């Protein structure tokens, strides 16, 4: 079942050009403990609004930084957060777009309708915060690598003394966010970096002066019927951005075939395109690339096309996919006028964002990683990065599938890539916004993996059961890569705790 952006965002205000937030404007955020909604609350408050928020799921790592702000939090949903029964008590109501289709009768949405208050996506708050500060909006988009690349650019700009504001869909390290990891940063510099998500038009509120397109391929089968629809979504968004202000500069990774297709469709749009690419293993480079990266001895990046580049710089993040991300980040930084030496230093010193190949611990000699990967291409790239970092060590691919529609549509592609690991374990599917939980299952995916793998894949059940299953089977020297976009982080966390307890008890 494919749904349009309008169907998913039914009842929400239409995207509009960003406008400054008024001092004292009252904004209420539903689902404030989420990665994006918490950032909207922080950035809205930083722009001068009076912000409240609620989330019946309770505190999360994303809500923790809100406790140090003036945002008032509630851990339940009530109509009284929005209305006093006569009129609205807030000026604006922000939500995750999918909420209106998953839970249209949500009590606060119903209360808002009753008093004529139209809810809007939380992305509009972020866009309006940027309009308030007057900072240059820089949007990082693509099917994969958005959080890592946006976080990398924020890190680079910060260490170059540019003091950016930002929204990134993963927790930024505390060194960038005043001591508490957060998905938002309030800065006073000239740039405002946002992670721009293509799902159901989530990026429509953003009209960036600089856009970075990392890659483009089919994902979100509940929204996009095929790859052509994905490419069209990226192209239409960039065209719309180019019609605002002085237009958009597009840093495009033309080493990716999908990005090449998007760029080809923009030839008459008046968009200034900066083509960048990572050279292939054989040294070949896409035609027209103006900034080219080359891997030296596997982990150092050399760049041509950046005046004054100092030579190969070591990268802390493993994998060709991260090297390609680094090239795109360097292209954006160059457009923003960052000197070559500062770009090199920023690329070399970045250690990543939370849940992107994040090492959670090595109890009993077992390396346990947590990663957000939930698409076959991302899983394959992350497995390759792990193998390059730990050559010869047995690798466990532990995956919590994200949404039933994505899993069903890409079942064989998931099976192919997961079967390349030494061991594969599939946790129960995280439904998220998906209303149909009958079309496939974790055991069905495990069965497809088993047909291709050296040993049968397991499907133990919940994330807790999956961690318990692993704790009795992993051995010293193993590498466990936990992946998924729902509660998969529980697997990594619980496994580290279980192995640590076993290690202590066996002393």
Protein backbone atom coordinates (compact mmCIF):
# COMPACT_ATOMS: atom_id res chain seq x y z
CA UNK A 1 0.00 0.00 0.00
CA UNK A 2 1.52 3.29 -1.14
CA UNK A 3 0.23 6.50 0.42
CA UNK A 4 0.79 10.10 -0.61
CA UNK A 5 2.35 12.78 1.55
CA UNK A 6 -1.07 14.44 1.78
CA UNK A 7 -2.66 11.24 3.09
CA UNK A 8 0.03 10.75 5.71
CA UNK A 9 -0.11 14.39 6.77
CA UNK A 10 -3.91 14.71 6.56
CA UNK A 11 -5.17 17.56 8.69
CA UNK A 12 -1.78 19.26 9.00
CA UNK A 13 -0.98 22.74 7.77
CA UNK A 14 0.48 22.79 4.26
CA UNK A 15 4.19 23.55 3.89
CA UNK A 16 4.91 27.27 3.65
CA UNK A 17 7.83 29.63 3.44
CA UNK A 18 9.59 29.91 6.78
CA UNK A 19 8.88 32.95 8.92
CA UNK A 20 10.46 34.21 12.15
CA UNK A 21 9.11 32.96 15.47
CA UNK A 22 7.64 35.76 17.57
CA UNK A 23 9.12 36.37 21.00
CA UNK A 24 6.83 34.71 23.53
CA UNK A 25 4.94 32.69 20.92
CA UNK A 26 3.38 29.65 22.61
CA UNK A 27 4.31 26.34 20.95
CA UNK A 28 3.25 22.88 22.10
CA UNK A 29 5.05 19.79 20.75
CA UNK A 30 3.38 16.36 20.80
CA UNK A 31 5.79 13.43 20.98
CA UNK A 32 8.50 15.69 22.35
CA UNK A 33 10.71 12.77 23.42
CA UNK A 34 11.43 11.86 19.79
CA UNK A 35 14.66 12.74 17.99
CA UNK A 36 13.18 15.43 15.74
CA UNK A 37 10.44 16.76 17.98
CA UNK A 38 12.87 17.30 20.86
CA UNK A 39 15.11 19.29 18.52
CA UNK A 40 12.16 21.43 17.43
CA UNK A 41 11.38 22.19 21.08
CA UNK A 42 14.99 23.18 21.82
CA UNK A 43 15.35 25.31 18.69
CA UNK A 44 11.93 26.92 19.11
CA UNK A 45 12.80 27.87 22.66
CA UNK A 46 16.17 29.14 21.52
CA UNK A 47 14.38 31.39 19.01
CA UNK A 48 12.32 33.00 21.78
CA UNK A 49 9.15 30.88 21.94
CA UNK A 50 7.54 29.58 25.12
CA UNK A 51 7.57 25.83 24.50
CA UNK A 52 5.72 22.96 26.16
CA UNK A 53 5.79 19.30 25.20
CA UNK A 54 4.28 15.95 26.03
CA UNK A 55 5.01 12.29 25.31
CA UNK A 56 3.18 9.34 26.87
CA UNK A 57 6.21 7.14 26.18
CA UNK A 58 8.13 8.82 28.98
CA UNK A 59 11.69 10.16 29.02
CA UNK A 60 14.22 9.11 26.38
CA UNK A 61 17.83 10.05 25.62
CA UNK A 62 16.37 12.69 23.26
CA UNK A 63 14.31 14.33 25.98
CA UNK A 64 17.16 14.51 28.49
CA UNK A 65 18.62 17.78 27.11
CA UNK A 66 15.18 19.40 27.39
CA UNK A 67 15.44 19.14 31.17
CA UNK A 68 18.14 21.82 31.12
CA UNK A 69 15.91 24.24 29.19
CA UNK A 70 12.74 26.17 29.98
CA UNK A 71 10.58 23.66 28.07
CA UNK A 72 7.82 22.31 30.35
CA UNK A 73 7.32 18.54 29.88
CA UNK A 74 4.39 16.23 30.60
CA UNK A 75 4.41 12.44 30.24
CA UNK A 76 0.79 12.08 29.21
CA UNK A 77 -1.46 13.48 26.50
CA UNK A 78 -4.34 15.71 27.58
CA UNK A 79 -6.68 18.03 25.66
CA UNK A 80 -5.90 20.66 28.31
CA UNK A 81 -2.39 20.96 26.88
CA UNK A 82 -3.98 22.57 23.84
CA UNK A 83 -7.36 24.04 24.85
CA UNK A 84 -9.21 25.27 27.91
CA UNK A 85 -12.48 24.10 26.38
CA UNK A 86 -13.30 27.53 25.02
CA UNK A 87 -10.28 28.42 22.91
CA UNK A 88 -6.69 27.48 22.21
CA UNK A 89 -4.16 28.13 24.96
CA UNK A 90 -1.21 27.76 22.55
CA UNK A 91 -0.44 29.57 19.33
CA UNK A 92 1.04 26.58 17.50
CA UNK A 93 0.83 22.81 17.74
CA UNK A 94 3.65 20.70 16.29
CA UNK A 95 3.57 16.94 15.67
CA UNK A 96 5.28 14.17 13.74
CA UNK A 97 3.52 14.04 10.36
CA UNK A 98 2.72 10.31 10.54
CA UNK A 99 0.72 10.81 13.76
CA UNK A 100 -2.28 12.18 11.88
CA UNK A 101 -2.67 8.96 9.89
CA UNK A 102 -1.70 6.49 12.62
CA UNK A 103 -3.73 8.16 15.38
CA UNK A 104 -6.15 10.70 13.84
CA UNK A 105 -8.30 10.77 16.99
CA UNK A 106 -5.39 11.64 19.26
CA UNK A 107 -6.94 13.65 22.14
CA UNK A 108 -4.77 16.72 21.58
CA UNK A 109 -5.33 16.73 17.82
CA UNK A 110 -9.07 16.49 18.45
CA UNK A 111 -8.90 19.34 20.96
CA UNK A 112 -7.01 21.46 18.45
CA UNK A 113 -9.61 20.84 15.74
CA UNK A 114 -12.39 21.78 18.12
CA UNK A 115 -10.93 25.28 18.60
CA UNK A 116 -9.77 25.79 15.00
CA UNK A 117 -6.04 25.28 15.66
CA UNK A 118 -4.31 23.61 12.72
CA UNK A 119 -1.40 21.37 13.68
CA UNK A 120 1.84 21.48 11.70
CA UNK A 121 4.88 19.21 11.29
CA UNK A 122 7.65 19.84 13.79
CA UNK A 123 9.98 20.48 10.84
CA UNK A 124 8.20 23.81 10.33
CA UNK A 125 9.33 24.89 13.81
CA UNK A 126 12.93 24.07 12.88
CA UNK A 127 12.66 26.00 9.60
CA UNK A 128 11.09 28.97 11.36
CA UNK A 129 13.85 28.94 13.99
CA UNK A 130 16.37 29.31 11.18
CA UNK A 131 14.34 32.18 9.71
CA UNK A 132 14.36 33.84 13.13
CA UNK A 133 18.14 33.78 13.44
CA UNK A 134 18.73 34.69 9.79
CA UNK A 135 21.35 31.96 9.53
CA UNK A 136 22.05 30.37 6.16
CA UNK A 137 20.12 27.11 5.95
CA UNK A 138 22.21 24.08 4.93
CA UNK A 139 20.24 20.86 4.39
CA UNK A 140 21.81 17.39 4.24
CA UNK A 141 19.61 14.82 2.52
CA UNK A 142 19.75 11.39 0.88
CA UNK A 143 18.56 7.85 1.44
CA UNK A 144 21.49 6.93 3.70
CA UNK A 145 24.06 8.70 5.86
CA UNK A 146 22.10 11.88 6.63
CA UNK A 147 22.71 11.90 10.38
CA UNK A 148 26.39 11.03 10.14
CA UNK A 149 27.03 13.61 7.43
CA UNK A 150 24.97 16.39 9.03
CA UNK A 151 26.69 15.73 12.35
CA UNK A 152 30.06 15.72 10.61
CA UNK A 153 29.35 19.10 9.05
CA UNK A 154 28.21 20.53 12.41
CA UNK A 155 31.42 19.24 14.02
CA UNK A 156 33.58 20.67 11.25
CA UNK A 157 31.92 24.10 11.35
CA UNK A 158 32.09 24.22 15.15
CA UNK A 159 35.79 23.39 15.21
CA UNK A 160 36.37 25.97 12.49
CA UNK A 161 34.90 28.60 14.82
CA UNK A 162 31.69 29.08 12.85
CA UNK A 163 29.31 28.25 15.77
CA UNK A 164 26.41 26.76 13.74
CA UNK A 165 22.87 26.01 14.85
CA UNK A 166 21.65 22.56 13.91
CA UNK A 167 19.12 19.76 13.89
CA UNK A 168 20.52 16.26 13.39
CA UNK A 169 18.46 13.08 13.67
CA UNK A 170 20.95 11.42 16.01
CA UNK A 171 22.44 12.55 19.29
CA UNK A 172 25.36 14.89 18.75
CA UNK A 173 28.28 14.42 21.16
CA UNK A 174 28.25 16.52 24.31
CA UNK A 175 31.29 18.47 23.09
CA UNK A 176 28.97 20.12 20.57
CA UNK A 177 25.89 20.57 22.76
CA UNK A 178 26.90 22.11 26.08
CA UNK A 179 27.61 18.90 27.98
CA UNK A 180 24.46 16.88 27.26
CA UNK A 181 24.12 14.87 24.00
CA UNK A 182 21.25 16.31 21.97
CA UNK A 183 19.80 16.39 18.46
CA UNK A 184 19.84 20.20 18.38
CA UNK A 185 22.45 22.90 18.71
CA UNK A 186 21.79 26.61 19.20
CA UNK A 187 24.64 28.70 17.79
CA UNK A 188 25.32 32.30 16.85
CA UNK A 189 27.24 31.74 13.63
CA UNK A 190 26.13 32.18 10.04
CA UNK A 191 25.01 28.59 9.27
CA UNK A 192 22.05 26.46 10.37
CA UNK A 193 22.52 22.78 9.44
CA UNK A 194 19.48 20.49 9.18
CA UNK A 195 19.05 16.83 8.38
CA UNK A 196 16.37 16.78 5.67
CA UNK A 197 14.27 13.60 5.45
CA UNK A 198 12.47 12.75 2.24
CA UNK A 199 9.81 10.53 3.84
CA UNK A 200 6.33 11.82 2.95
CA UNK A 201 7.66 15.29 2.23
CA UNK A 202 9.18 15.78 5.68
CA UNK A 203 11.78 18.10 4.13
CA UNK A 204 9.19 20.35 2.45
CA UNK A 205 9.47 23.01 5.17
CA UNK A 206 13.15 23.53 4.36
CA UNK A 207 14.26 25.88 1.59
CA UNK A 208 18.04 25.67 1.94
CA UNK A 209 20.64 27.99 0.49
CA UNK A 210 22.95 24.97 0.34
CA UNK A 211 21.73 21.39 -0.13
CA UNK A 212 23.85 18.25 0.09
CA UNK A 213 22.54 15.16 -1.72
CA UNK A 214 24.46 12.07 -0.56
CA UNK A 215 22.66 9.28 -2.43
CA UNK A 216 19.23 8.37 -3.75
CA UNK A 217 17.61 4.95 -4.09
CA UNK A 218 14.31 3.25 -3.39
CA UNK A 219 13.21 3.24 0.23
CA UNK A 220 9.95 3.85 2.14
CA UNK A 221 7.77 1.58 -0.01
CA UNK A 222 4.71 2.84 1.87
CA UNK A 223 5.30 6.24 0.22
CA UNK A 224 7.36 5.68 -2.93
CA UNK A 225 6.17 3.19 -5.53
CA UNK A 226 9.61 2.85 -7.11
CA UNK A 227 13.01 4.49 -7.44
CA UNK A 228 11.74 6.96 -10.02
CA UNK A 229 9.32 8.33 -7.41
CA UNK A 230 12.20 8.79 -4.95
CA UNK A 231 14.34 10.65 -7.49
CA UNK A 232 11.38 12.84 -8.41
CA UNK A 233 10.84 13.73 -4.73
CA UNK A 234 14.43 14.87 -4.31
CA UNK A 235 14.38 16.76 -7.60
CA UNK A 236 11.08 18.52 -6.89
CA UNK A 237 12.29 19.61 -3.44
CA UNK A 238 15.53 21.03 -4.83
CA UNK A 239 13.62 22.85 -7.58
CA UNK A 240 11.29 24.39 -5.00
CA UNK A 241 14.25 25.53 -2.91
CA UNK A 242 15.93 27.10 -5.93
CA UNK A 243 12.92 29.37 -6.43
CA UNK A 244 13.41 31.06 -3.03
CA UNK A 245 15.78 33.93 -2.32
CA UNK A 246 19.08 33.68 -4.17
CA UNK A 247 18.52 30.06 -5.10
CA UNK A 248 20.19 26.86 -3.96
CA UNK A 249 23.71 25.52 -4.34
CA UNK A 250 23.55 21.73 -4.60
CA UNK A 251 26.54 19.65 -3.49
CA UNK A 252 25.79 16.40 -5.31
CA UNK A 253 27.59 13.08 -4.83
CA UNK A 254 27.57 12.11 -8.51
CA UNK A 255 29.39 8.90 -7.65
CA UNK A 256 25.94 7.62 -6.71
CA UNK A 257 23.80 6.58 -9.68
CA UNK A 258 20.58 7.89 -8.15
CA UNK A 259 22.09 11.30 -7.46
CA UNK A 260 23.26 11.38 -11.07
CA UNK A 261 19.65 10.84 -12.13
CA UNK A 262 18.43 13.68 -9.91
CA UNK A 263 21.08 16.06 -11.24
CA UNK A 264 20.23 15.17 -14.84
CA UNK A 265 16.63 16.17 -14.16
CA UNK A 266 17.73 19.57 -12.85
CA UNK A 267 19.55 20.80 -15.95
CA UNK A 268 16.89 23.45 -16.65
CA UNK A 269 16.17 24.44 -13.02
CA UNK A 270 18.80 27.12 -12.57
CA UNK A 271 20.40 25.22 -9.70
CA UNK A 272 24.14 25.65 -9.24
CA UNK A 273 25.48 22.11 -8.90
CA UNK A 274 28.84 21.25 -7.31
CA UNK A 275 29.50 17.64 -8.42
CA UNK A 276 31.62 15.67 -5.93
CA UNK A 277 32.62 12.01 -5.80
CA UNK A 278 34.81 9.40 -4.18
CA UNK A 279 37.02 7.71 -6.75
CA UNK A 280 36.30 4.02 -7.33
CA UNK A 281 38.73 1.35 -6.21
CA UNK A 282 40.19 1.28 -9.74
CA UNK A 283 40.76 5.04 -9.61
CA UNK A 284 37.98 5.96 -12.02
CA UNK A 285 36.00 9.15 -11.42
CA UNK A 286 32.53 10.15 -12.71
CA UNK A 287 32.59 12.66 -15.56
CA UNK A 288 32.30 16.24 -14.43
CA UNK A 289 33.21 15.75 -10.76
CA UNK A 290 34.78 18.98 -9.49
CA UNK A 291 35.83 17.78 -6.04
CA UNK A 292 37.21 14.25 -5.92
CA UNK A 293 38.21 12.17 -2.93
CA UNK A 294 40.61 9.22 -3.00
CA UNK A 295 41.18 6.71 -0.25
CA UNK A 296 44.83 6.22 0.66
CA UNK A 297 45.70 2.97 2.45
CA UNK A 298 42.06 2.38 3.27
CA UNK A 299 41.44 5.00 5.95
CA UNK A 300 42.99 8.31 4.80
CA UNK A 301 41.25 10.72 2.44
CA UNK A 302 42.96 12.87 -0.15
CA UNK A 303 40.98 15.54 -1.96
CA UNK A 304 41.49 17.35 -5.24
CA UNK A 305 39.42 20.39 -6.08
CA UNK A 306 39.88 22.13 -2.70
CA UNK A 307 42.54 24.86 -3.04
CA UNK A 308 45.29 24.47 -0.45
CA UNK A 309 44.41 20.90 0.52
CA UNK A 310 47.19 19.67 2.86
CA UNK A 311 47.32 16.04 1.67
CA UNK A 312 45.80 12.75 2.90
CA UNK A 313 44.04 12.99 6.27
CA UNK A 314 43.11 9.95 8.40
CA UNK A 315 39.40 9.35 9.01
CA UNK A 316 38.15 7.90 12.28
CA UNK A 317 35.00 6.50 10.61
CA UNK A 318 35.51 3.25 8.72
CA UNK A 319 34.11 2.25 5.34
CA UNK A 320 33.90 3.58 1.79
CA UNK A 321 30.41 4.90 2.49
CA UNK A 322 31.80 7.16 5.20
CA UNK A 323 34.63 8.29 2.94
CA UNK A 324 32.01 9.27 0.36
CA UNK A 325 30.09 11.11 3.07
CA UNK A 326 33.30 12.95 4.01
CA UNK A 327 33.74 14.14 0.42
CA UNK A 328 30.21 15.57 0.42
CA UNK A 329 30.79 17.25 3.80
CA UNK A 330 34.01 18.77 2.47
CA UNK A 331 32.12 20.07 -0.56
CA UNK A 332 29.53 21.78 1.63
CA UNK A 333 32.19 23.26 3.90
CA UNK A 334 34.06 24.60 0.88
CA UNK A 335 30.88 26.27 -0.42
CA UNK A 336 30.50 27.87 3.03
CA UNK A 337 34.00 29.31 2.78
CA UNK A 338 35.80 27.12 5.33
CA UNK A 339 39.58 27.09 4.65
CA UNK A 340 41.13 23.83 3.44
CA UNK A 341 43.18 23.28 6.60
CA UNK A 342 40.09 23.62 8.80
CA UNK A 343 38.13 21.23 6.55
CA UNK A 344 40.91 18.66 6.85
CA UNK A 345 41.05 19.02 10.62
CA UNK A 346 37.27 18.73 10.93
CA UNK A 347 37.12 15.61 8.78
CA UNK A 348 39.95 13.92 10.68
CA UNK A 349 38.71 14.66 14.20
CA UNK A 350 35.07 13.56 13.88
CA UNK A 351 34.21 10.43 15.87
CA UNK A 352 30.61 9.99 14.77
CA UNK A 353 27.11 10.48 16.19
CA UNK A 354 25.11 8.17 18.41
CA UNK A 355 23.81 4.88 16.99
CA UNK A 356 25.95 5.07 13.85
CA UNK A 357 28.41 2.19 14.22
CA UNK A 358 28.71 3.15 17.88
CA UNK A 359 30.85 0.83 20.00
CA UNK A 360 28.83 0.10 23.16
CA UNK A 361 31.47 -2.06 24.84
CA UNK A 362 33.75 -5.08 24.57
CA UNK A 363 32.83 -7.29 27.53
CA UNK A 364 34.45 -10.74 27.52
CA UNK A 365 36.30 -9.79 24.34
CA UNK A 366 33.06 -9.40 22.36
CA UNK A 367 32.82 -6.09 20.46
CA UNK A 368 29.19 -4.88 20.49
CA UNK A 369 28.12 -2.14 18.08
CA UNK A 370 24.83 -0.27 17.78
CA UNK A 371 23.81 1.11 14.37
CA UNK A 372 20.70 2.70 12.86
CA UNK A 373 21.00 0.82 9.55
CA UNK A 374 17.62 -0.43 8.29
CA UNK A 375 18.01 -0.59 4.50
CA UNK A 376 19.85 -3.37 2.61
CA UNK A 377 22.39 -0.95 1.15
CA UNK A 378 23.15 0.61 4.54
CA UNK A 379 23.42 -2.81 6.19
CA UNK A 380 25.85 -3.99 3.52
CA UNK A 381 28.03 -0.90 3.84
CA UNK A 382 28.10 -1.18 7.63
CA UNK A 383 29.02 -4.88 7.52
CA UNK A 384 31.87 -4.02 5.14
CA UNK A 385 33.08 -1.32 7.55
CA UNK A 386 33.05 -3.78 10.46
CA UNK A 387 34.98 -6.38 8.48
CA UNK A 388 37.61 -3.82 7.50
CA UNK A 389 37.99 -2.80 11.14
CA UNK A 390 38.09 -6.37 12.50
CA UNK A 391 39.52 -8.55 9.71
CA UNK A 392 39.12 -12.26 10.29
CA UNK A 393 36.83 -12.00 13.33
CA UNK A 394 33.39 -13.68 13.25
CA UNK A 395 30.60 -11.14 12.66
CA UNK A 396 27.03 -11.39 13.97
CA UNK A 397 24.44 -9.40 12.01
CA UNK A 398 21.60 -8.69 14.44
CA UNK A 399 18.69 -6.86 12.82
CA UNK A 400 15.41 -5.45 14.08
CA UNK A 401 13.45 -4.77 10.86
CA UNK A 402 11.83 -1.33 10.64
CA UNK A 403 8.18 -1.43 9.48
CA UNK A 404 6.35 -4.33 7.91
CA UNK A 405 5.97 -2.74 4.47
CA UNK A 406 9.71 -2.08 4.06
CA UNK A 407 10.53 -5.59 5.25
CA UNK A 408 8.00 -7.26 2.93
CA UNK A 409 8.96 -5.18 -0.10
CA UNK A 410 12.70 -5.83 0.34
CA UNK A 411 12.60 -9.28 1.93
CA UNK A 412 15.01 -10.94 -0.49
CA UNK A 413 17.37 -7.95 -0.52
CA UNK A 414 17.54 -8.03 3.28
CA UNK A 415 18.08 -11.79 3.22
CA UNK A 416 20.93 -11.52 0.70
CA UNK A 417 22.91 -8.99 2.71
CA UNK A 418 22.27 -10.50 6.16
CA UNK A 419 23.36 -13.92 4.88
CA UNK A 420 26.85 -12.55 4.21
CA UNK A 421 27.51 -12.37 7.97
CA UNK A 422 28.87 -15.35 9.87
CA UNK A 423 25.74 -15.43 12.03
CA UNK A 424 22.37 -13.70 11.59
CA UNK A 425 19.68 -13.02 14.19
CA UNK A 426 16.36 -11.29 13.47
CA UNK A 427 14.38 -9.55 16.21
CA UNK A 428 10.64 -8.86 15.99
CA UNK A 429 9.69 -6.17 13.46
CA UNK A 430 9.29 -2.64 14.81
CA UNK A 431 5.96 -1.46 13.38
CA UNK A 432 6.47 2.26 13.93
CA UNK A 433 3.99 4.11 11.73
CA UNK A 434 3.02 0.95 9.81
CA UNK A 435 -0.66 0.01 10.37
CA UNK A 436 -0.49 -3.45 8.72
CA UNK A 437 1.41 -5.98 10.85
CA UNK A 438 0.23 -9.08 8.98
CA UNK A 439 2.14 -8.97 5.70
CA UNK A 440 5.42 -10.51 6.92
CA UNK A 441 7.31 -11.42 10.09
CA UNK A 442 10.75 -11.81 11.62
CA UNK A 443 10.63 -15.62 11.24
CA UNK A 444 9.80 -15.17 7.54
CA UNK A 445 12.92 -13.06 7.06
CA UNK A 446 15.01 -15.51 9.11
CA UNK A 447 13.80 -18.32 6.87
CA UNK A 448 14.88 -16.42 3.73
CA UNK A 449 18.28 -15.71 5.29
CA UNK A 450 18.71 -19.37 6.22
CA UNK A 451 18.24 -20.42 2.59
CA UNK A 452 21.35 -18.39 1.69
CA UNK A 453 23.54 -18.51 4.79
CA UNK A 454 26.18 -20.94 6.04
CA UNK A 455 24.08 -21.59 9.16
CA UNK A 456 20.40 -21.05 9.98
CA UNK A 457 19.33 -17.59 11.12
CA UNK A 458 17.45 -17.26 14.39
CA UNK A 459 14.34 -15.21 15.25
CA UNK A 460 14.20 -15.23 19.07
CA UNK A 461 11.38 -12.67 19.45
CA UNK A 462 11.49 -9.34 21.28
CA UNK A 463 14.60 -7.18 21.54
CA UNK A 464 15.02 -8.39 25.11
CA UNK A 465 14.72 -12.05 24.06
CA UNK A 466 17.16 -11.40 21.23
CA UNK A 467 19.79 -10.04 23.63
CA UNK A 468 19.28 -13.04 25.93
CA UNK A 469 19.69 -15.40 22.95
CA UNK A 470 22.95 -13.74 21.94
CA UNK A 471 24.37 -13.71 25.46
CA UNK A 472 24.44 -17.53 25.55
CA UNK A 473 25.99 -17.93 22.10
CA UNK A 474 28.61 -15.26 21.41
CA UNK A 475 32.25 -16.08 22.11
CA UNK A 476 35.38 -14.02 22.84
CA UNK A 477 36.63 -12.46 19.60
CA UNK A 478 33.16 -12.17 18.06
CA UNK A 479 31.88 -8.85 16.70
CA UNK A 480 28.16 -8.18 17.18
CA UNK A 481 26.61 -5.56 14.90
CA UNK A 482 23.12 -4.62 16.10
CA UNK A 483 21.05 -2.68 13.53
CA UNK A 484 17.59 -1.18 13.30
CA UNK A 485 15.57 1.98 13.63
CA UNK A 486 13.18 1.08 16.45
CA UNK A 487 14.21 -0.35 19.84
CA UNK A 488 17.23 -2.29 18.56
CA UNK A 489 19.47 -0.19 20.80
CA UNK A 490 18.05 -2.24 23.70
CA UNK A 491 19.67 -5.36 22.23
CA UNK A 492 23.15 -3.84 22.26
CA UNK A 493 22.70 -2.27 25.69
CA UNK A 494 21.27 -5.42 27.28
CA UNK A 495 23.88 -7.69 25.67
CA UNK A 496 26.73 -5.57 27.06
CA UNK A 497 25.10 -5.69 30.51
CA UNK A 498 24.57 -9.47 30.40
CA UNK A 499 28.11 -10.21 29.23
CA UNK A 500 29.57 -7.82 31.80
CA UNK A 501 27.60 -9.51 34.59
CA UNK A 502 28.80 -12.94 33.41
CA UNK A 503 32.38 -11.70 33.34
CA UNK A 504 32.14 -10.38 36.91
CA UNK A 505 30.50 -13.53 38.25
CA UNK A 506 33.10 -15.81 36.67
CA UNK A 507 36.08 -14.06 38.29
